[in-house]
Amino acid sequence: MELEFYENVNDDYPNDAIFCLKNFSKEELNKLSVEIENLIQGRSLINLSDLDFVNNVTKKTLILKTGGENKGIIKINENTYECILEKTQYIEMKEIIRRFTANETEMTRGYNWLYNVSTDINFLLSYDGSR
């Protein structure tokens, strides 16, 4: 699984960016699902960039955390970002991943946004990195 950060994705919205999980196997998605479940069950954070099954292509750190509101991904500094979501949103993210892995064709040809929060930085799950 690769984690990539895309900037300047739309000329009309120069501040918009996307973190994308791509080139994954079903096993890697299942491992990600377990990590998200740990977050739901009370783990304070997950540094997605440091997981042994994630190749951090663009060397941007993405930390998943639970919070009292859905803020989405926010920039902390030049190379560090935090995804702050309520537990219910992480439960929904885990379900999106589960549905994605249930269909082999969908998994390798489709894509899914991992949250629905109005923010400048989105979170995409796409085998080939496109949408």
N, C-alpha and C. Protein backbone atom coordinates (compact mmCIF):
# COMPACT_ATOMS: atom_id res chain seq x y z
N MET A 1 0.85 -1.17 0.00
CA MET A 1 0.00 0.00 0.00
C MET A 1 0.90 1.24 0.00
N GLU A 2 0.50 2.20 -0.80
CA GLU A 2 1.25 3.46 -0.86
C GLU A 2 0.37 4.60 -0.37
N LEU A 3 1.01 5.53 0.31
CA LEU A 3 0.36 6.77 0.74
C LEU A 3 1.01 7.88 -0.06
N GLU A 4 0.19 8.59 -0.83
CA GLU A 4 0.72 9.68 -1.65
C GLU A 4 -0.09 10.95 -1.37
N PHE A 5 0.58 12.08 -1.48
CA PHE A 5 -0.04 13.37 -1.27
C PHE A 5 -0.02 14.14 -2.58
N TYR A 6 -1.21 14.53 -3.06
CA TYR A 6 -1.33 15.29 -4.29
C TYR A 6 -1.71 16.73 -3.96
N GLU A 7 -0.91 17.66 -4.47
CA GLU A 7 -1.23 19.08 -4.31
C GLU A 7 -1.60 19.65 -5.68
N ASN A 8 -2.21 20.83 -5.68
CA ASN A 8 -2.58 21.51 -6.92
C ASN A 8 -3.40 20.61 -7.83
N VAL A 9 -4.43 19.99 -7.26
CA VAL A 9 -5.24 19.05 -8.03
C VAL A 9 -6.31 19.73 -8.87
N ASN A 10 -6.58 21.01 -8.58
CA ASN A 10 -7.63 21.71 -9.31
C ASN A 10 -7.27 23.19 -9.37
N ASP A 11 -7.11 23.72 -10.57
CA ASP A 11 -6.73 25.13 -10.72
C ASP A 11 -7.74 26.09 -10.11
N ASP A 12 -9.02 25.68 -10.08
CA ASP A 12 -10.05 26.54 -9.51
C ASP A 12 -9.99 26.59 -7.97
N TYR A 13 -9.36 25.58 -7.37
CA TYR A 13 -9.24 25.51 -5.91
C TYR A 13 -7.78 25.21 -5.56
N PRO A 14 -6.92 26.24 -5.60
CA PRO A 14 -5.48 26.02 -5.43
C PRO A 14 -5.07 25.47 -4.06
N ASN A 15 -5.91 25.62 -3.05
CA ASN A 15 -5.58 25.11 -1.71
C ASN A 15 -5.98 23.66 -1.52
N ASP A 16 -6.72 23.10 -2.46
CA ASP A 16 -7.18 21.72 -2.33
C ASP A 16 -6.04 20.73 -2.55
N ALA A 17 -6.09 19.65 -1.80
CA ALA A 17 -5.09 18.59 -1.91
C ALA A 17 -5.77 17.26 -1.56
N ILE A 18 -5.07 16.17 -1.82
CA ILE A 18 -5.62 14.83 -1.56
C ILE A 18 -4.53 13.93 -1.00
N PHE A 19 -4.83 13.25 0.10
CA PHE A 19 -4.03 12.11 0.53
C PHE A 19 -4.69 10.90 -0.10
N CYS A 20 -3.90 10.07 -0.74
CA CYS A 20 -4.44 8.91 -1.44
C CYS A 20 -3.73 7.63 -0.98
N LEU A 21 -4.53 6.63 -0.63
CA LEU A 21 -4.02 5.28 -0.39
C LEU A 21 -4.23 4.51 -1.68
N LYS A 22 -3.15 3.95 -2.23
CA LYS A 22 -3.23 3.28 -3.54
C LYS A 22 -2.30 2.07 -3.59
N ASN A 23 -2.39 1.31 -4.68
CA ASN A 23 -1.56 0.13 -4.91
C ASN A 23 -1.56 -0.81 -3.71
N PHE A 24 -2.73 -1.16 -3.27
CA PHE A 24 -2.89 -1.97 -2.07
C PHE A 24 -3.37 -3.37 -2.41
N SER A 25 -3.17 -4.26 -1.47
CA SER A 25 -3.71 -5.61 -1.56
C SER A 25 -4.89 -5.70 -0.59
N LYS A 26 -5.66 -6.75 -0.74
CA LYS A 26 -6.78 -6.98 0.18
C LYS A 26 -6.24 -7.16 1.61
N GLU A 27 -5.12 -7.85 1.73
CA GLU A 27 -4.50 -8.06 3.05
C GLU A 27 -4.11 -6.73 3.70
N GLU A 28 -3.57 -5.82 2.92
CA GLU A 28 -3.18 -4.51 3.46
C GLU A 28 -4.41 -3.70 3.89
N LEU A 29 -5.48 -3.78 3.11
CA LEU A 29 -6.71 -3.09 3.50
C LEU A 29 -7.27 -3.69 4.79
N ASN A 30 -7.16 -5.00 4.94
CA ASN A 30 -7.62 -5.64 6.18
C ASN A 30 -6.77 -5.18 7.37
N LYS A 31 -5.46 -5.03 7.17
CA LYS A 31 -4.59 -4.52 8.24
C LYS A 31 -4.97 -3.09 8.59
N LEU A 32 -5.27 -2.28 7.58
CA LEU A 32 -5.69 -0.90 7.82
C LEU A 32 -6.99 -0.88 8.62
N SER A 33 -7.89 -1.77 8.28
CA SER A 33 -9.16 -1.87 8.99
C SER A 33 -8.94 -2.20 10.47
N VAL A 34 -8.00 -3.07 10.76
CA VAL A 34 -7.66 -3.42 12.15
C VAL A 34 -7.10 -2.19 12.87
N GLU A 35 -6.25 -1.44 12.20
CA GLU A 35 -5.70 -0.21 12.81
C GLU A 35 -6.81 0.80 13.12
N ILE A 36 -7.74 0.95 12.21
CA ILE A 36 -8.86 1.87 12.44
C ILE A 36 -9.73 1.37 13.59
N GLU A 37 -9.93 0.08 13.68
CA GLU A 37 -10.69 -0.49 14.80
C GLU A 37 -9.99 -0.19 16.12
N ASN A 38 -8.66 -0.26 16.17
CA ASN A 38 -7.92 0.10 17.37
C ASN A 38 -8.17 1.55 17.76
N LEU A 39 -8.25 2.41 16.78
CA LEU A 39 -8.54 3.83 17.03
C LEU A 39 -9.95 3.99 17.59
N ILE A 40 -10.90 3.28 17.01
CA ILE A 40 -12.29 3.32 17.48
C ILE A 40 -12.38 2.83 18.92
N GLN A 41 -11.58 1.81 19.25
CA GLN A 41 -11.63 1.21 20.59
C GLN A 41 -10.85 2.00 21.64
N GLY A 42 -10.24 3.11 21.26
CA GLY A 42 -9.62 3.96 22.27
C GLY A 42 -8.15 4.29 22.10
N ARG A 43 -7.50 3.72 21.10
CA ARG A 43 -6.12 4.11 20.84
C ARG A 43 -6.09 5.61 20.55
N SER A 44 -5.09 6.31 21.04
CA SER A 44 -5.08 7.76 20.90
C SER A 44 -4.80 8.25 19.48
N LEU A 45 -3.93 7.54 18.75
CA LEU A 45 -3.63 7.96 17.38
C LEU A 45 -2.98 6.83 16.61
N ILE A 46 -2.99 6.99 15.30
CA ILE A 46 -2.28 6.08 14.40
C ILE A 46 -1.47 6.95 13.45
N ASN A 47 -0.16 6.74 13.43
CA ASN A 47 0.67 7.41 12.44
C ASN A 47 0.66 6.52 11.21
N LEU A 48 -0.21 6.86 10.28
CA LEU A 48 -0.38 6.06 9.07
C LEU A 48 0.93 5.94 8.29
N SER A 49 1.73 6.97 8.33
CA SER A 49 2.98 7.01 7.59
C SER A 49 4.02 6.03 8.13
N ASP A 50 3.88 5.60 9.36
CA ASP A 50 4.85 4.70 9.98
C ASP A 50 4.45 3.23 9.99
N LEU A 51 3.26 2.91 9.52
CA LEU A 51 2.83 1.51 9.53
C LEU A 51 3.71 0.70 8.58
N ASP A 52 4.07 -0.50 8.99
CA ASP A 52 5.01 -1.31 8.21
C ASP A 52 4.48 -1.73 6.84
N PHE A 53 3.18 -1.68 6.64
CA PHE A 53 2.62 -2.07 5.34
C PHE A 53 2.29 -0.86 4.45
N VAL A 54 2.71 0.34 4.88
CA VAL A 54 2.45 1.56 4.11
C VAL A 54 3.77 2.15 3.62
N ASN A 55 3.88 2.31 2.31
CA ASN A 55 5.03 2.98 1.71
C ASN A 55 4.65 4.45 1.54
N ASN A 56 5.30 5.31 2.31
CA ASN A 56 5.00 6.74 2.30
C ASN A 56 5.76 7.40 1.14
N VAL A 57 5.12 7.46 -0.02
CA VAL A 57 5.75 7.91 -1.26
C VAL A 57 6.23 9.36 -1.19
N THR A 58 5.41 10.26 -0.72
CA THR A 58 5.75 11.68 -0.72
C THR A 58 6.32 12.17 0.60
N LYS A 59 6.51 11.27 1.55
CA LYS A 59 7.15 11.58 2.84
C LYS A 59 6.41 12.65 3.65
N LYS A 60 5.10 12.69 3.49
CA LYS A 60 4.25 13.54 4.33
C LYS A 60 3.67 12.67 5.43
N THR A 61 3.74 13.12 6.65
CA THR A 61 3.23 12.36 7.79
C THR A 61 1.73 12.60 7.92
N LEU A 62 0.97 11.51 8.00
CA LEU A 62 -0.47 11.59 8.21
C LEU A 62 -0.82 10.82 9.48
N ILE A 63 -1.34 11.54 10.46
CA ILE A 63 -1.71 10.97 11.75
C ILE A 63 -3.23 10.96 11.86
N LEU A 64 -3.81 9.79 12.16
CA LEU A 64 -5.25 9.66 12.37
C LEU A 64 -5.52 9.77 13.86
N LYS A 65 -6.47 10.63 14.24
CA LYS A 65 -6.82 10.84 15.64
C LYS A 65 -8.34 10.96 15.77
N THR A 66 -8.85 10.60 16.94
CA THR A 66 -10.26 10.86 17.21
C THR A 66 -10.39 12.22 17.88
N GLY A 67 -11.54 12.84 17.68
CA GLY A 67 -11.79 14.14 18.27
C GLY A 67 -13.28 14.35 18.49
N GLY A 68 -13.62 15.47 19.06
CA GLY A 68 -15.00 15.79 19.37
C GLY A 68 -15.81 16.28 18.18
N GLU A 69 -15.13 16.56 17.07
CA GLU A 69 -15.82 16.98 15.85
C GLU A 69 -15.05 16.50 14.64
N ASN A 70 -15.73 16.45 13.51
CA ASN A 70 -15.11 16.02 12.26
C ASN A 70 -14.43 17.20 11.60
N LYS A 71 -13.11 17.29 11.75
CA LYS A 71 -12.34 18.36 11.12
C LYS A 71 -11.71 17.91 9.80
N GLY A 72 -11.59 16.60 9.61
CA GLY A 72 -10.93 16.10 8.42
C GLY A 72 -9.43 16.23 8.56
N ILE A 73 -8.73 16.31 7.43
CA ILE A 73 -7.27 16.42 7.45
C ILE A 73 -6.89 17.90 7.49
N ILE A 74 -6.06 18.21 8.47
CA ILE A 74 -5.57 19.59 8.61
C ILE A 74 -4.04 19.58 8.60
N LYS A 75 -3.48 20.64 8.07
CA LYS A 75 -2.02 20.78 7.99
C LYS A 75 -1.50 21.29 9.32
N ILE A 76 -0.53 20.59 9.89
CA ILE A 76 0.11 21.00 11.14
C ILE A 76 1.37 21.80 10.84
N ASN A 77 2.19 21.29 9.94
CA ASN A 77 3.35 22.02 9.43
C ASN A 77 3.64 21.51 8.02
N GLU A 78 4.75 21.89 7.46
CA GLU A 78 5.04 21.59 6.05
C GLU A 78 4.91 20.11 5.69
N ASN A 79 5.28 19.22 6.60
CA ASN A 79 5.27 17.80 6.28
C ASN A 79 4.38 16.96 7.19
N THR A 80 3.62 17.57 8.07
CA THR A 80 2.80 16.83 9.02
C THR A 80 1.34 17.25 8.92
N TYR A 81 0.47 16.24 8.86
CA TYR A 81 -0.97 16.46 8.76
C TYR A 81 -1.67 15.56 9.76
N GLU A 82 -2.81 16.03 10.27
CA GLU A 82 -3.63 15.22 11.16
C GLU A 82 -5.02 15.09 10.60
N CYS A 83 -5.55 13.88 10.67
CA CYS A 83 -6.94 13.62 10.30
C CYS A 83 -7.71 13.45 11.61
N ILE A 84 -8.54 14.42 11.93
CA ILE A 84 -9.29 14.41 13.19
C ILE A 84 -10.77 14.18 12.87
N LEU A 85 -11.26 13.03 13.33
CA LEU A 85 -12.64 12.65 13.09
C LEU A 85 -13.25 12.07 14.36
N GLU A 86 -14.57 12.19 14.47
CA GLU A 86 -15.28 11.52 15.57
C GLU A 86 -15.22 10.01 15.35
N LYS A 87 -15.38 9.25 16.42
CA LYS A 87 -15.35 7.79 16.31
C LYS A 87 -16.37 7.27 15.31
N THR A 88 -17.56 7.89 15.27
CA THR A 88 -18.59 7.42 14.33
C THR A 88 -18.12 7.56 12.88
N GLN A 89 -17.33 8.58 12.59
CA GLN A 89 -16.81 8.75 11.23
C GLN A 89 -15.76 7.68 10.92
N TYR A 90 -14.96 7.29 11.92
CA TYR A 90 -14.01 6.19 11.70
C TYR A 90 -14.72 4.85 11.53
N ILE A 91 -15.84 4.68 12.22
CA ILE A 91 -16.65 3.47 12.03
C ILE A 91 -17.15 3.43 10.58
N GLU A 92 -17.58 4.56 10.08
CA GLU A 92 -18.03 4.65 8.69
C GLU A 92 -16.87 4.37 7.72
N MET A 93 -15.67 4.90 8.04
CA MET A 93 -14.50 4.67 7.20
C MET A 93 -14.17 3.18 7.15
N LYS A 94 -14.25 2.53 8.28
CA LYS A 94 -13.98 1.09 8.33
C LYS A 94 -14.99 0.32 7.48
N GLU A 95 -16.24 0.74 7.49
CA GLU A 95 -17.28 0.10 6.68
C GLU A 95 -17.02 0.34 5.18
N ILE A 96 -16.57 1.53 4.82
CA ILE A 96 -16.23 1.82 3.43
C ILE A 96 -15.14 0.87 2.96
N ILE A 97 -14.12 0.67 3.79
CA ILE A 97 -13.03 -0.25 3.45
C ILE A 97 -13.55 -1.68 3.34
N ARG A 98 -14.41 -2.08 4.27
CA ARG A 98 -14.97 -3.44 4.23
C ARG A 98 -15.75 -3.67 2.93
N ARG A 99 -16.61 -2.73 2.57
CA ARG A 99 -17.38 -2.88 1.32
C ARG A 99 -16.46 -2.89 0.11
N PHE A 100 -15.41 -2.10 0.16
CA PHE A 100 -14.46 -2.01 -0.94
C PHE A 100 -13.75 -3.34 -1.16
N THR A 101 -13.37 -4.01 -0.08
CA THR A 101 -12.64 -5.28 -0.20
C THR A 101 -13.57 -6.45 -0.52
N ALA A 102 -14.86 -6.28 -0.35
CA ALA A 102 -15.82 -7.37 -0.60
C ALA A 102 -15.97 -7.69 -2.08
N ASN A 103 -15.59 -6.75 -2.94
CA ASN A 103 -15.76 -6.93 -4.37
C ASN A 103 -14.41 -6.70 -5.05
N GLU A 104 -13.81 -7.76 -5.57
CA GLU A 104 -12.47 -7.68 -6.18
C GLU A 104 -12.41 -6.67 -7.33
N THR A 105 -13.44 -6.63 -8.15
CA THR A 105 -13.46 -5.68 -9.26
C THR A 105 -13.51 -4.25 -8.74
N GLU A 106 -14.35 -4.00 -7.77
CA GLU A 106 -14.45 -2.67 -7.16
C GLU A 106 -13.12 -2.26 -6.55
N MET A 107 -12.48 -3.22 -5.89
CA MET A 107 -11.24 -2.93 -5.18
C MET A 107 -10.13 -2.47 -6.14
N THR A 108 -10.05 -3.05 -7.32
CA THR A 108 -8.96 -2.71 -8.24
C THR A 108 -9.33 -1.67 -9.30
N ARG A 109 -10.62 -1.36 -9.43
CA ARG A 109 -11.03 -0.40 -10.45
C ARG A 109 -11.76 0.82 -9.91
N GLY A 110 -12.31 0.70 -8.72
CA GLY A 110 -13.10 1.79 -8.18
C GLY A 110 -12.29 2.69 -7.26
N TYR A 111 -12.99 3.61 -6.65
CA TYR A 111 -12.39 4.49 -5.65
C TYR A 111 -13.45 4.88 -4.65
N ASN A 112 -13.02 5.32 -3.48
CA ASN A 112 -13.93 5.80 -2.45
C ASN A 112 -13.27 6.92 -1.67
N TRP A 113 -14.04 7.94 -1.37
CA TRP A 113 -13.58 8.98 -0.45
C TRP A 113 -13.78 8.41 0.95
N LEU A 114 -12.77 8.54 1.80
CA LEU A 114 -12.81 7.91 3.12
C LEU A 114 -13.53 8.72 4.17
N TYR A 115 -13.88 9.96 3.87
CA TYR A 115 -14.76 10.72 4.75
C TYR A 115 -15.48 11.78 3.94
N ASN A 116 -16.56 12.27 4.50
CA ASN A 116 -17.36 13.30 3.85
C ASN A 116 -17.38 14.53 4.76
N VAL A 117 -16.27 15.25 4.76
CA VAL A 117 -16.12 16.45 5.58
C VAL A 117 -15.67 17.57 4.66
N SER A 118 -16.26 18.73 4.81
CA SER A 118 -15.87 19.86 3.98
C SER A 118 -14.54 20.43 4.47
N THR A 119 -13.49 20.14 3.72
CA THR A 119 -12.14 20.57 4.07
C THR A 119 -11.31 20.69 2.79
N ASP A 120 -10.19 21.38 2.88
CA ASP A 120 -9.34 21.55 1.70
C ASP A 120 -8.57 20.30 1.33
N ILE A 121 -8.42 19.37 2.29
CA ILE A 121 -7.64 18.16 2.04
C ILE A 121 -8.56 16.95 2.17
N ASN A 122 -8.66 16.19 1.09
CA ASN A 122 -9.52 15.01 1.07
C ASN A 122 -8.69 13.74 1.27
N PHE A 123 -9.40 12.63 1.49
CA PHE A 123 -8.76 11.35 1.77
C PHE A 123 -9.38 10.31 0.84
N LEU A 124 -8.57 9.79 -0.10
CA LEU A 124 -9.05 8.94 -1.17
C LEU A 124 -8.46 7.54 -1.06
N LEU A 125 -9.30 6.55 -1.32
CA LEU A 125 -8.88 5.16 -1.44
C LEU A 125 -9.10 4.77 -2.89
N SER A 126 -7.99 4.52 -3.62
CA SER A 126 -8.09 4.25 -5.05
C SER A 126 -6.91 3.39 -5.47
N TYR A 127 -7.19 2.21 -5.99
CA TYR A 127 -6.11 1.28 -6.33
C TYR A 127 -5.07 1.91 -7.25
N ASP A 128 -5.53 2.61 -8.28
CA ASP A 128 -4.56 3.20 -9.23
C ASP A 128 -4.28 4.67 -8.96
N GLY A 129 -4.82 5.21 -7.87
CA GLY A 129 -4.54 6.60 -7.50
C GLY A 129 -5.35 7.63 -8.25
N SER A 130 -6.35 7.20 -9.01
CA SER A 130 -7.17 8.15 -9.76
C SER A 130 -8.59 8.15 -9.22
N ARG A 131 -9.35 9.13 -9.67
CA ARG A 131 -10.75 9.21 -9.27
C ARG A 131 -11.62 9.51 -10.46
